[in-house]
């Protein structure tokens, strides 16, 4: 984020896409991290777009309600107390954080160019379900939606290496990639 904030200082806005936002843990974790930056983002327009194929998981994400088991998996207690309200056995994300995330149903196999451009795209743990040609196609289309100095974040079991030249890995930053400037031919799904 420090690199993105420095690069976006003049326009004071940042757009982040969670391409497989599922039930919301990733987009809300990002929202918490950004809120924790406090004054560094004061006056900034921060947009987090969470998409998923399943309307059912998007509804769970919008509600922002999680079990004790879900919130204790990696969420520091200070953030739990600060950004969640307990209701019986469940915890709900604060309205302030829920308002930071836009939810949209989207199939990565279809055209997603209408989403606009992003500074950071999280596409974690979803591409493992696709064949090689589909992955290449998705990577090439993701590259077209990314700012030239943006970042692509993939899951631990995913890589662009050997599939496409549109992104280059960041040395010693596993799962983090930057656009290479190479534009692959556009092939629609």
Protein backbone atom coordinates (compact mmCIF):
# COMPACT_ATOMS: atom_id res chain seq x y z
CA UNK A 1 0.00 0.00 0.00
CA UNK A 2 2.76 2.54 0.68
CA UNK A 3 3.83 2.39 -3.00
CA UNK A 4 0.25 2.84 -4.20
CA UNK A 5 -0.39 5.72 -1.79
CA UNK A 6 2.74 7.51 -2.92
CA UNK A 7 1.80 7.04 -6.59
CA UNK A 8 -1.81 8.18 -5.99
CA UNK A 9 -1.04 11.16 -3.74
CA UNK A 10 -2.12 13.70 -6.39
CA UNK A 11 -5.52 12.14 -7.12
CA UNK A 12 -6.10 10.87 -3.57
CA UNK A 13 -8.06 7.81 -4.61
CA UNK A 14 -7.44 4.09 -4.74
CA UNK A 15 -9.50 1.28 -6.29
CA UNK A 16 -9.17 -2.33 -5.17
CA UNK A 17 -10.94 -5.36 -6.64
CA UNK A 18 -11.39 -8.65 -4.81
CA UNK A 19 -12.20 -10.80 -7.83
CA UNK A 20 -13.36 -13.77 -5.78
CA UNK A 21 -14.62 -11.97 -2.70
CA UNK A 22 -16.61 -14.97 -1.49
CA UNK A 23 -18.17 -14.40 1.96
CA UNK A 24 -16.24 -11.19 2.56
CA UNK A 25 -13.26 -11.99 4.76
CA UNK A 26 -10.79 -10.64 2.19
CA UNK A 27 -12.52 -7.35 1.32
CA UNK A 28 -13.32 -6.61 4.98
CA UNK A 29 -9.74 -7.41 6.00
CA UNK A 30 -8.58 -4.90 3.38
CA UNK A 31 -11.07 -2.34 4.65
CA UNK A 32 -9.76 -2.81 8.21
CA UNK A 33 -6.14 -2.43 7.07
CA UNK A 34 -7.01 0.76 5.20
CA UNK A 35 -8.96 2.16 8.16
CA UNK A 36 -5.98 1.41 10.40
CA UNK A 37 -3.87 3.68 8.18
CA UNK A 38 -5.92 6.54 9.65
CA UNK A 39 -4.63 10.01 8.77
CA UNK A 40 -2.59 8.71 5.81
CA UNK A 41 -5.90 8.13 3.97
CA UNK A 42 -7.90 11.04 5.39
CA UNK A 43 -9.75 12.72 2.53
CA UNK A 44 -9.05 9.86 0.11
CA UNK A 45 -11.68 8.10 -1.99
CA UNK A 46 -11.20 4.41 -1.26
CA UNK A 47 -13.19 1.93 -3.32
CA UNK A 48 -13.22 -1.82 -2.67
CA UNK A 49 -15.20 -3.91 -5.14
CA UNK A 50 -15.94 -7.50 -4.14
CA UNK A 51 -17.25 -9.81 -6.83
CA UNK A 52 -18.20 -13.46 -6.82
CA UNK A 53 -20.08 -15.88 -9.02
CA UNK A 54 -22.39 -16.92 -6.18
CA UNK A 55 -25.17 -14.55 -5.14
CA UNK A 56 -25.54 -16.60 -1.94
CA UNK A 57 -21.99 -15.89 -0.74
CA UNK A 58 -22.32 -12.24 -1.77
CA UNK A 59 -25.39 -11.93 0.46
CA UNK A 60 -23.40 -13.38 3.38
CA UNK A 61 -20.62 -10.89 2.60
CA UNK A 62 -23.04 -7.95 2.50
CA UNK A 63 -24.45 -8.94 5.88
CA UNK A 64 -20.94 -9.22 7.32
CA UNK A 65 -22.00 -11.73 9.99
CA UNK A 66 -19.46 -14.35 11.05
CA UNK A 67 -19.26 -17.14 13.61
CA UNK A 68 -16.78 -17.17 16.47
CA UNK A 69 -14.77 -19.79 14.55
CA UNK A 70 -14.58 -17.57 11.45
CA UNK A 71 -13.44 -14.44 13.28
CA UNK A 72 -10.80 -16.19 15.36
CA UNK A 73 -8.97 -17.46 12.26
CA UNK A 74 -6.22 -14.85 11.96
CA UNK A 75 -8.09 -11.73 13.08
CA UNK A 76 -6.29 -9.94 15.92
CA UNK A 77 -8.52 -9.43 18.96
CA UNK A 78 -7.94 -5.65 18.88
CA UNK A 79 -9.44 -5.46 15.37
CA UNK A 80 -12.31 -7.77 16.29
CA UNK A 81 -13.30 -5.52 19.19
CA UNK A 82 -12.78 -2.33 17.16
CA UNK A 83 -14.60 -3.27 13.94
CA UNK A 84 -17.19 -5.90 14.95
CA UNK A 85 -20.24 -5.99 17.19
CA UNK A 86 -21.07 -9.21 18.98
CA UNK A 87 -24.60 -10.52 18.71
CA UNK A 88 -25.07 -13.78 20.56
CA UNK A 89 -22.69 -16.33 19.07
CA UNK A 90 -22.00 -14.18 16.02
CA UNK A 91 -19.99 -11.10 15.13
CA UNK A 92 -21.07 -8.45 12.63
CA UNK A 93 -18.73 -6.14 10.72
CA UNK A 94 -19.33 -2.47 11.57
CA UNK A 95 -21.57 -0.44 9.25
CA UNK A 96 -18.58 1.81 8.54
CA UNK A 97 -16.57 -1.09 7.07
CA UNK A 98 -19.55 -2.62 5.27
CA UNK A 99 -20.08 0.73 3.54
CA UNK A 100 -16.53 0.60 2.17
CA UNK A 101 -17.22 -2.56 0.12
CA UNK A 102 -19.35 -2.72 -3.03
CA UNK A 103 -20.66 -6.19 -3.88
CA UNK A 104 -21.36 -7.38 -7.42
CA UNK A 105 -22.16 -10.74 -8.89
CA UNK A 106 -19.66 -11.57 -11.61
CA UNK A 107 -18.42 -14.60 -13.51
CA UNK A 108 -14.70 -14.31 -14.33
CA UNK A 109 -15.36 -16.35 -17.47
CA UNK A 110 -17.45 -13.45 -18.83
CA UNK A 111 -16.50 -9.90 -19.79
CA UNK A 112 -15.65 -7.78 -16.74
CA UNK A 113 -14.29 -4.70 -18.50
CA UNK A 114 -17.29 -2.66 -17.25
CA UNK A 115 -15.71 -2.61 -13.78
CA UNK A 116 -13.15 0.01 -14.86
CA UNK A 117 -9.49 0.18 -13.86
CA UNK A 118 -7.95 -0.80 -10.55
CA UNK A 119 -4.81 -0.06 -8.58
CA UNK A 120 -4.80 -3.47 -6.91
CA UNK A 121 -6.54 -6.69 -7.94
CA UNK A 122 -6.81 -9.62 -5.55
CA UNK A 123 -7.54 -12.82 -7.47
CA UNK A 124 -6.67 -15.36 -4.82
CA UNK A 125 -7.52 -19.03 -4.72
CA UNK A 126 -9.93 -19.03 -7.64
CA UNK A 127 -7.74 -19.56 -10.72
CA UNK A 128 -6.72 -23.00 -9.42
CA UNK A 129 -10.13 -24.20 -10.64
CA UNK A 130 -9.52 -23.22 -14.27
CA UNK A 131 -7.58 -24.89 -17.08
CA UNK A 132 -4.42 -23.28 -18.43
CA UNK A 133 -6.02 -21.54 -21.43
CA UNK A 134 -8.75 -20.04 -19.24
CA UNK A 135 -6.15 -18.80 -16.74
CA UNK A 136 -4.18 -17.14 -19.55
CA UNK A 137 -7.32 -15.48 -20.86
CA UNK A 138 -8.28 -14.18 -17.41
CA UNK A 139 -4.76 -12.89 -16.70
CA UNK A 140 -4.70 -11.03 -20.01
CA UNK A 141 -8.09 -9.46 -19.30
CA UNK A 142 -7.08 -8.55 -15.72
CA UNK A 143 -4.02 -6.78 -17.11
CA UNK A 144 -6.28 -4.54 -19.20
CA UNK A 145 -8.10 -3.36 -16.04
CA UNK A 146 -4.97 -2.60 -14.07
CA UNK A 147 -3.15 0.68 -13.74
CA UNK A 148 0.36 0.46 -15.23
CA UNK A 149 1.90 0.67 -11.74
CA UNK A 150 -0.72 -1.49 -10.04
CA UNK A 151 -0.45 -4.82 -8.26
CA UNK A 152 -1.98 -8.26 -8.81
CA UNK A 153 -2.22 -10.52 -5.74
CA UNK A 154 -2.61 -14.26 -6.27
CA UNK A 155 -3.00 -17.18 -3.88
CA UNK A 156 -0.06 -19.32 -2.77
CA UNK A 157 -0.87 -22.07 -5.28
CA UNK A 158 -1.23 -19.67 -8.23
CA UNK A 159 1.27 -17.99 -10.55
CA UNK A 160 1.51 -16.17 -13.87
CA UNK A 161 4.98 -17.60 -14.53
CA UNK A 162 4.97 -19.74 -17.64
CA UNK A 163 1.44 -18.66 -18.55
CA UNK A 164 1.58 -15.01 -19.61
CA UNK A 165 4.02 -12.13 -20.00
CA UNK A 166 1.41 -9.51 -19.07
CA UNK A 167 2.53 -9.63 -15.41
CA UNK A 168 5.94 -9.98 -13.82
CA UNK A 169 6.55 -11.38 -10.34
CA UNK A 170 8.02 -9.15 -7.67
CA UNK A 171 11.24 -10.70 -6.39
CA UNK A 172 10.95 -12.09 -2.87
CA UNK A 173 7.23 -11.18 -2.67
CA UNK A 174 5.44 -14.45 -3.31
CA UNK A 175 2.03 -14.01 -4.90
CA UNK A 176 2.60 -10.35 -5.81
CA UNK A 177 2.85 -9.25 -9.46
CA UNK A 178 3.02 -6.03 -11.46
CA UNK A 179 1.90 -5.34 -15.02
CA UNK A 180 4.80 -5.85 -17.41
CA UNK A 181 3.55 -3.44 -20.06
CA UNK A 182 3.09 -6.31 -22.52
CA UNK A 183 -0.41 -6.30 -23.97
CA UNK A 184 -1.63 -9.71 -25.05
CA UNK A 185 -4.24 -9.93 -27.80
CA UNK A 186 -7.74 -9.66 -26.39
CA UNK A 187 -9.64 -12.93 -26.55
CA UNK A 188 -13.12 -12.85 -25.11
CA UNK A 189 -14.29 -15.76 -23.01
